[in-house]
Amino acid sequence: MGASPHAGKSVLLIEQGFLKSRAGKPIHGVELFRLFLLRQMIQLGVDVTVLCEQSWKPILEERLEDARPNIVTTPSLRGVVATGIPAALFVRKPKPKYDAVMFGDPGRGLLPAMRIAKWRRLARRYFVMSHRQPKDEVCRAMDKMNLDVLAVSEFVASRYRRNNYSRNLDIYYGIANAPDFYPPTTPRPNDGLCHFVMVARLPNISKRLDWALEAFQSLPDDVRRRSRLHLASFIEPTDLGIEGVICHPWLPADRIPELLRQMDVMLAISRRETFSQAIVQGMLTALPIISGDHPVYVEKMDTGGGLVCPDASAVRDAMICLASDPALRARMGAIGRETALARYAWDTDRFLTQYLFRGV
């Protein structure tokens, strides 16, 4: 195998998430993606420098022991603005410049650091990865800075379009460890039950745990007796005391794939998402999805990988339908997996070539 075409290129990461204290908090969602991306860029020969609040340094050193980036720490100074400004001012300006500066998760707090990085001419290219919808004024400020944007979903990109964003605006995102998520290689033992699973950081109210419980508890008695609702996972040990509801303690990321292979249907019903790695994990595992009607879910359900539900009663009806029809579960699961493999399996080489180092 030849050398990576990206070997020797350099990038400076200024991400809002890395500029916030992470002390004592679990690593999940976007944070896990950031760590996967760092590892894969370094393994492809990219020289990576990360600006981060000081609590991130031991996390990066532990999680990226065999692929460690250059780490520039800044003390926690009460917010992204105060933390990001000195970081952007005092980071070393190499000769030659960085090939790219990548700004992540843009918001008002990150704008001063973005402006400073451009004023200092730290890099040949400036690029934004947008995990969420920025405020209108942030979109306009970024447009004036001539920043290309990669949005993680059509939902996120729609905010830029609404502001007539004039720079390159692309959509690409996915699961960095997609190969870890696959259907069971042997049929799951038939226990006569239909196992529903909800994967979320619980008990976060935005995840609509109330919908899941209301739907499950309102199932007809015969359906409920042969169903189980798995809630994965709670930050603190939790027992809701509801028959048929299994509360899982906090699960590290590497245990999620095997859990999903023991399930039959996934519930993805959060009211606030910008991409939802959980739903893609379920799709890759060939689970049919019962989703909410948030645009982030709807755009992933367009090929028929599940059922879209506007409220708790619709979730109940979908649970009744899928609990009683294994053949439908299998068909929807296969469609969802095909869709996820085609759209949402992350490729770092593609990201570097088509987006981060475009024109470099």
Protein backbone atom coordinates (compact mmCIF):
# COMPACT_ATOMS: atom_id res chain seq x y z
CA MET A 1 0.00 0.00 0.00
CA GLY A 2 1.36 3.40 -0.97
CA ALA A 3 1.75 6.39 1.29
CA SER A 4 -1.32 8.41 2.12
CA PRO A 5 -1.79 11.42 -0.19
CA HIS A 6 -2.42 13.45 2.96
CA ALA A 7 0.84 12.58 4.68
CA GLY A 8 2.68 15.71 5.72
CA LYS A 9 -0.31 18.03 5.50
CA SER A 10 -1.13 20.02 8.61
CA VAL A 11 -4.37 21.17 10.22
CA LEU A 12 -5.24 23.30 13.23
CA LEU A 13 -8.54 22.42 14.93
CA ILE A 14 -10.45 25.19 16.69
CA GLU A 15 -13.67 23.52 17.78
CA GLN A 16 -16.21 24.92 20.19
CA GLY A 17 -16.52 21.56 21.95
CA PHE A 18 -12.80 21.38 22.73
CA LEU A 19 -12.88 24.88 24.22
CA LYS A 20 -15.44 23.91 26.90
CA SER A 21 -14.57 22.10 30.10
CA ARG A 22 -15.20 18.34 29.93
CA ALA A 23 -14.10 17.50 33.47
CA GLY A 24 -16.29 14.84 35.03
CA LYS A 25 -18.64 14.59 32.04
CA PRO A 26 -19.20 11.50 29.86
CA ILE A 27 -17.87 11.44 26.32
CA HIS A 28 -20.61 10.75 23.79
CA GLY A 29 -22.14 11.83 20.47
CA VAL A 30 -20.19 14.58 18.74
CA GLU A 31 -17.32 14.26 21.23
CA LEU A 32 -16.82 10.62 20.22
CA PHE A 33 -16.89 11.58 16.56
CA ARG A 34 -14.21 14.24 17.16
CA LEU A 35 -11.96 11.62 18.76
CA PHE A 36 -12.51 9.16 15.91
CA LEU A 37 -11.76 11.86 13.34
CA LEU A 38 -8.57 12.93 15.11
CA ARG A 39 -7.34 9.34 15.26
CA GLN A 40 -8.07 8.65 11.61
CA MET A 41 -6.51 11.89 10.35
CA ILE A 42 -3.34 11.17 12.29
CA GLN A 43 -3.25 7.59 11.01
CA LEU A 44 -3.42 9.01 7.48
CA GLY A 45 -0.31 11.06 8.15
CA VAL A 46 -1.89 14.46 8.85
CA ASP A 47 -0.06 16.64 11.38
CA VAL A 48 -2.91 17.67 13.70
CA THR A 49 -2.83 20.46 16.29
CA VAL A 50 -5.77 20.84 18.67
CA LEU A 51 -6.60 23.92 20.73
CA CYS A 52 -8.39 22.78 23.86
CA GLU A 53 -9.44 23.79 27.34
CA GLN A 54 -7.11 22.16 29.86
CA SER A 55 -9.54 19.45 31.04
CA TRP A 56 -9.44 17.93 27.54
CA LYS A 57 -5.70 17.21 27.59
CA PRO A 58 -5.82 14.04 29.75
CA ILE A 59 -8.85 12.84 27.78
CA LEU A 60 -7.01 13.24 24.48
CA GLU A 61 -3.87 11.62 25.85
CA GLU A 62 -5.83 8.63 27.15
CA ARG A 63 -8.18 8.15 24.20
CA LEU A 64 -5.55 8.82 21.51
CA GLU A 65 -2.55 7.20 23.13
CA ASP A 66 -1.33 5.62 19.88
CA ALA A 67 -2.26 8.56 17.63
CA ARG A 68 -1.72 11.67 19.67
CA PRO A 69 -2.14 15.14 18.16
CA ASN A 70 -0.20 18.24 19.11
CA ILE A 71 -2.13 19.64 22.07
CA VAL A 72 -2.22 23.35 22.90
CA THR A 73 -4.11 23.97 26.14
CA THR A 74 -5.76 27.08 27.48
CA PRO A 75 -7.20 27.54 30.97
CA SER A 76 -10.95 27.55 31.38
CA LEU A 77 -11.88 31.23 31.38
CA ARG A 78 -15.68 31.08 31.69
CA GLY A 79 -16.90 30.42 28.20
CA VAL A 80 -15.84 29.83 24.62
CA VAL A 81 -15.18 33.52 23.91
CA ALA A 82 -12.70 33.98 26.76
CA THR A 83 -11.11 30.57 26.22
CA GLY A 84 -10.90 30.79 22.44
CA ILE A 85 -9.41 34.29 22.12
CA PRO A 86 -6.09 33.59 23.89
CA ALA A 87 -5.88 30.19 22.24
CA ALA A 88 -6.16 31.72 18.77
CA LEU A 89 -3.82 34.58 19.67
CA PHE A 90 -0.97 32.53 21.06
CA VAL A 91 -1.00 29.27 19.13
CA ARG A 92 2.25 28.88 17.25
CA LYS A 93 2.20 30.00 13.62
CA PRO A 94 4.31 27.45 11.78
CA LYS A 95 6.43 28.04 8.70
CA PRO A 96 5.04 27.22 6.25
CA LYS A 97 1.50 27.94 7.43
CA TYR A 98 -0.97 25.24 8.39
CA ASP A 99 -2.52 23.77 5.29
CA ALA A 100 -5.94 24.28 6.89
CA VAL A 101 -7.67 25.62 9.96
CA MET A 102 -10.84 23.72 10.72
CA PHE A 103 -13.45 25.48 12.85
CA GLY A 104 -16.01 23.20 14.44
CA ASP A 105 -19.55 23.75 15.70
CA PRO A 106 -19.64 27.50 14.94
CA GLY A 107 -21.49 29.87 17.24
CA ARG A 108 -21.26 33.42 18.49
CA GLY A 109 -18.72 32.38 21.11
CA LEU A 110 -16.35 31.03 18.48
CA LEU A 111 -16.52 34.03 16.12
CA PRO A 112 -13.72 36.05 17.84
CA ALA A 113 -11.31 33.11 17.61
CA MET A 114 -12.28 32.58 13.96
CA ARG A 115 -11.60 36.23 13.15
CA ILE A 116 -8.26 36.17 14.99
CA ALA A 117 -7.13 33.03 13.16
CA LYS A 118 -7.88 34.65 9.82
CA TRP A 119 -6.29 37.97 10.86
CA ARG A 120 -3.11 36.10 11.83
CA ARG A 121 -3.16 34.24 8.50
CA LEU A 122 -2.51 30.96 10.22
CA ALA A 123 -3.38 28.76 7.25
CA ARG A 124 -3.75 28.44 3.51
CA ARG A 125 -7.38 27.37 3.85
CA TYR A 126 -10.15 28.01 6.38
CA PHE A 127 -12.99 25.55 6.69
CA VAL A 128 -16.03 25.05 8.94
CA MET A 129 -17.67 21.79 10.01
CA SER A 130 -21.13 22.66 11.26
CA HIS A 131 -22.73 20.14 13.61
CA ARG A 132 -25.65 22.41 14.42
CA GLN A 133 -27.67 25.29 13.02
CA PRO A 134 -25.89 28.57 13.81
CA LYS A 135 -27.76 31.79 14.52
CA ASP A 136 -28.55 33.97 11.51
CA GLU A 137 -25.97 36.57 12.53
CA VAL A 138 -23.31 33.85 12.76
CA CYS A 139 -24.14 32.70 9.22
CA ARG A 140 -23.77 36.24 7.95
CA ALA A 141 -20.48 36.77 9.80
CA MET A 142 -19.05 33.54 8.41
CA ASP A 143 -20.13 34.50 4.90
CA LYS A 144 -18.19 37.76 5.23
CA MET A 145 -15.13 35.75 6.30
CA ASN A 146 -15.40 33.67 3.08
CA LEU A 147 -15.58 30.33 4.91
CA ASP A 148 -16.53 27.10 3.15
CA VAL A 149 -18.98 25.03 5.21
CA LEU A 150 -19.64 21.33 5.56
CA ALA A 151 -23.02 20.74 7.26
CA VAL A 152 -23.81 17.41 8.91
CA SER A 153 -27.39 17.27 7.62
CA GLU A 154 -29.86 18.96 5.31
CA PHE A 155 -31.52 20.33 8.45
CA VAL A 156 -28.31 22.16 9.44
CA ALA A 157 -27.65 23.32 5.88
CA SER A 158 -31.12 24.85 5.63
CA ARG A 159 -30.14 27.63 8.05
CA TYR A 160 -27.27 28.68 5.79
CA ARG A 161 -29.49 28.58 2.72
CA ARG A 162 -32.07 30.73 4.50
CA ASN A 163 -29.34 33.35 4.89
CA ASN A 164 -28.32 33.08 1.21
CA TYR A 165 -24.88 31.75 2.11
CA SER A 166 -22.58 32.53 -0.82
CA ARG A 167 -19.60 30.25 -0.13
CA ASN A 168 -19.31 26.49 -0.78
CA LEU A 169 -21.96 24.68 1.29
CA ASP A 170 -21.79 20.88 1.27
CA ILE A 171 -23.50 18.14 3.27
CA TYR A 172 -21.59 15.10 4.48
CA TYR A 173 -21.43 13.23 7.77
CA GLY A 174 -21.66 9.72 9.12
CA ILE A 175 -20.60 7.17 11.68
CA ALA A 176 -16.84 7.07 11.97
CA ASN A 177 -16.87 3.47 13.25
CA ALA A 178 -19.55 2.22 10.87
CA PRO A 179 -17.92 -1.23 10.41
CA ASP A 180 -18.62 -1.95 14.10
CA PHE A 181 -22.37 -1.86 13.44
CA TYR A 182 -23.71 -4.85 11.53
CA PRO A 183 -26.59 -7.33 11.89
CA PRO A 184 -26.18 -10.50 13.97
CA THR A 185 -24.16 -13.10 12.10
CA THR A 186 -26.38 -15.83 13.55
CA PRO A 187 -30.11 -15.53 14.28
CA ARG A 188 -30.87 -14.18 17.72
CA PRO A 189 -32.41 -16.86 19.97
CA ASN A 190 -36.19 -16.75 19.66
CA ASP A 191 -37.51 -15.85 23.10
CA GLY A 192 -40.96 -14.97 21.81
CA LEU A 193 -40.41 -11.31 22.63
CA CYS A 194 -39.96 -8.16 20.54
CA HIS A 195 -37.16 -6.06 22.00
CA PHE A 196 -37.45 -2.30 21.42
CA VAL A 197 -34.46 -0.10 22.23
CA MET A 198 -33.95 3.61 22.71
CA VAL A 199 -30.31 4.76 22.67
CA ALA A 200 -29.89 8.19 24.23
CA ARG A 201 -28.26 10.05 27.09
CA LEU A 202 -30.97 9.69 29.71
CA PRO A 203 -32.89 11.20 31.42
CA ASN A 204 -32.42 14.15 29.03
CA ILE A 205 -35.90 15.59 28.54
CA SER A 206 -35.25 16.35 24.86
CA LYS A 207 -34.95 12.62 24.10
CA ARG A 208 -38.72 12.18 24.70
CA LEU A 209 -38.45 9.38 27.19
CA ASP A 210 -42.03 10.29 28.12
CA TRP A 211 -43.22 9.37 24.61
CA ALA A 212 -41.50 5.99 24.80
CA LEU A 213 -42.99 5.16 28.19
CA GLU A 214 -46.45 6.40 27.27
CA ALA A 215 -46.43 4.37 24.07
CA PHE A 216 -45.20 1.21 25.77
CA GLN A 217 -47.61 1.42 28.68
CA SER A 218 -50.57 1.98 26.34
CA LEU A 219 -49.86 -1.12 24.23
CA PRO A 220 -52.64 -3.72 24.20
CA ASP A 221 -52.05 -6.26 26.95
CA ASP A 222 -51.19 -9.10 24.56
CA VAL A 223 -48.61 -6.98 22.70
CA ARG A 224 -47.09 -5.58 25.87
CA ARG A 225 -46.68 -9.06 27.40
CA ARG A 226 -44.49 -10.07 24.46
CA SER A 227 -42.54 -6.82 24.26
CA ARG A 228 -39.63 -5.31 26.14
CA LEU A 229 -38.49 -1.68 26.11
CA HIS A 230 -34.75 -1.20 26.65
CA LEU A 231 -33.62 2.29 27.67
CA ALA A 232 -29.90 2.72 27.04
CA SER A 233 -28.57 4.45 28.88
CA PHE A 234 -28.94 6.39 32.11
CA ILE A 235 -26.16 8.60 33.49
CA GLU A 236 -27.11 7.50 37.01
CA PRO A 237 -28.34 3.99 37.96
CA THR A 238 -32.10 4.01 37.43
CA ASP A 239 -34.99 1.61 37.95
CA LEU A 240 -38.33 2.99 36.81
CA GLY A 241 -40.20 0.08 38.33
CA ILE A 242 -42.26 -0.51 35.18
CA GLU A 243 -42.80 -4.13 34.16
CA GLY A 244 -41.23 -4.84 30.79
CA VAL A 245 -38.99 -1.75 30.85
CA ILE A 246 -35.26 -2.46 31.22
CA CYS A 247 -33.11 0.50 32.29
CA HIS A 248 -29.47 0.12 31.29
CA PRO A 249 -26.70 1.90 33.19
CA TRP A 250 -24.40 4.17 31.21
CA LEU A 251 -22.82 2.15 28.41
CA PRO A 252 -19.44 3.01 26.89
CA ALA A 253 -19.47 3.42 23.13
CA ASP A 254 -17.79 0.08 22.43
CA ARG A 255 -20.68 -1.83 24.04
CA ILE A 256 -23.44 -0.26 21.95
CA PRO A 257 -22.96 -2.40 18.80
CA GLU A 258 -23.45 -5.70 20.65
CA LEU A 259 -26.46 -4.33 22.52
CA LEU A 260 -28.12 -3.35 19.23
CA ARG A 261 -27.53 -6.82 17.79
CA GLN A 262 -29.73 -8.18 20.59
CA MET A 263 -32.62 -5.85 19.68
CA ASP A 264 -35.48 -5.99 17.15
CA VAL A 265 -36.60 -2.35 16.73
CA MET A 266 -35.07 1.06 17.53
CA LEU A 267 -36.94 4.11 18.80
CA ALA A 268 -35.42 7.44 17.71
CA ILE A 269 -37.86 10.12 18.82
CA SER A 270 -35.81 13.01 20.20
CA ARG A 271 -37.23 16.46 19.61
CA ARG A 272 -33.82 18.11 19.13
CA GLU A 273 -31.09 16.61 16.93
CA THR A 274 -28.77 17.92 14.24
CA PHE A 275 -27.77 14.51 12.83
CA SER A 276 -28.43 11.62 15.29
CA GLN A 277 -25.67 9.06 15.31
CA ALA A 278 -27.96 6.68 17.22
CA ILE A 279 -30.45 6.30 14.38
CA VAL A 280 -27.65 5.55 11.93
CA GLN A 281 -26.20 2.98 14.32
CA GLY A 282 -29.59 1.29 14.37
CA MET A 283 -29.94 1.44 10.60
CA LEU A 284 -26.48 -0.08 10.11
CA THR A 285 -27.47 -2.90 12.48
CA ALA A 286 -30.51 -3.54 10.23
CA LEU A 287 -33.03 -2.51 12.88
CA PRO A 288 -36.28 -1.01 11.62
CA ILE A 289 -36.69 2.48 13.06
CA ILE A 290 -39.65 4.08 14.80
CA SER A 291 -38.70 7.74 14.44
CA GLY A 292 -40.08 11.10 15.41
CA ASP A 293 -40.98 13.64 12.74
CA HIS A 294 -37.97 15.90 13.32
CA PRO A 295 -36.44 16.78 9.89
CA VAL A 296 -33.17 15.03 10.80
CA TYR A 297 -35.06 11.74 11.14
CA VAL A 298 -37.41 12.26 8.21
CA GLU A 299 -34.54 12.74 5.75
CA LYS A 300 -33.13 9.34 6.82
CA MET A 301 -36.47 7.53 6.58
CA ASP A 302 -37.17 8.53 2.96
CA THR A 303 -36.31 5.10 1.52
CA GLY A 304 -38.59 3.12 3.84
CA GLY A 305 -36.33 2.02 6.68
CA GLY A 306 -38.95 2.66 9.32
CA LEU A 307 -42.07 4.48 10.44
CA VAL A 308 -42.26 8.22 11.12
CA CYS A 309 -44.42 9.22 14.09
CA PRO A 310 -45.68 12.72 15.05
CA ASP A 311 -46.72 11.85 18.60
CA ALA A 312 -46.75 9.19 21.32
CA SER A 313 -49.94 7.54 20.06
CA ALA A 314 -48.36 7.08 16.62
CA VAL A 315 -45.30 5.55 18.32
CA ARG A 316 -47.64 3.09 20.08
CA ASP A 317 -49.30 2.17 16.77
CA ALA A 318 -45.90 1.64 15.14
CA MET A 319 -44.81 -0.59 18.04
CA ILE A 320 -47.97 -2.68 17.64
CA CYS A 321 -47.35 -3.00 13.89
CA LEU A 322 -43.71 -4.04 14.15
CA ALA A 323 -44.08 -6.26 17.21
CA SER A 324 -46.54 -8.39 15.25
CA ASP A 325 -44.72 -8.63 11.91
CA PRO A 326 -41.17 -10.08 11.87
CA ALA A 327 -41.13 -10.09 8.05
CA LEU A 328 -41.85 -6.36 7.95
CA ARG A 329 -39.11 -5.76 10.52
CA ALA A 330 -36.66 -7.66 8.34
CA ARG A 331 -37.62 -5.77 5.16
CA MET A 332 -37.42 -2.35 6.78
CA GLY A 333 -34.17 -3.24 8.53
CA ALA A 334 -32.54 -4.30 5.25
CA ILE A 335 -33.66 -1.08 3.54
CA GLY A 336 -32.34 1.04 6.41
CA ARG A 337 -28.97 -0.69 6.40
CA GLU A 338 -28.59 -0.19 2.65
CA THR A 339 -29.45 3.51 3.02
CA ALA A 340 -27.03 4.01 5.92
CA LEU A 341 -24.16 2.28 4.11
CA ALA A 342 -24.72 4.44 1.03
CA ARG A 343 -25.08 7.77 2.85
CA TYR A 344 -23.82 7.72 6.42
CA ALA A 345 -20.67 5.60 6.67
CA TRP A 346 -17.92 8.12 7.32
CA ASP A 347 -14.82 8.08 5.09
CA THR A 348 -12.01 10.25 6.45
CA ASP A 349 -9.99 10.03 3.22
CA ARG A 350 -13.00 11.38 1.31
CA PHE A 351 -13.46 14.13 3.90
CA LEU A 352 -9.85 15.24 3.62
CA THR A 353 -9.75 15.12 -0.18
CA GLN A 354 -13.12 16.63 -1.04
CA TYR A 355 -13.60 19.07 1.82
CA LEU A 356 -10.87 19.88 4.35
CA PHE A 357 -7.94 20.13 1.90
CA ARG A 358 -9.95 21.13 -1.15
CA GLY A 359 -7.69 23.25 -3.37
CA VAL A 360 -4.66 22.81 -1.09
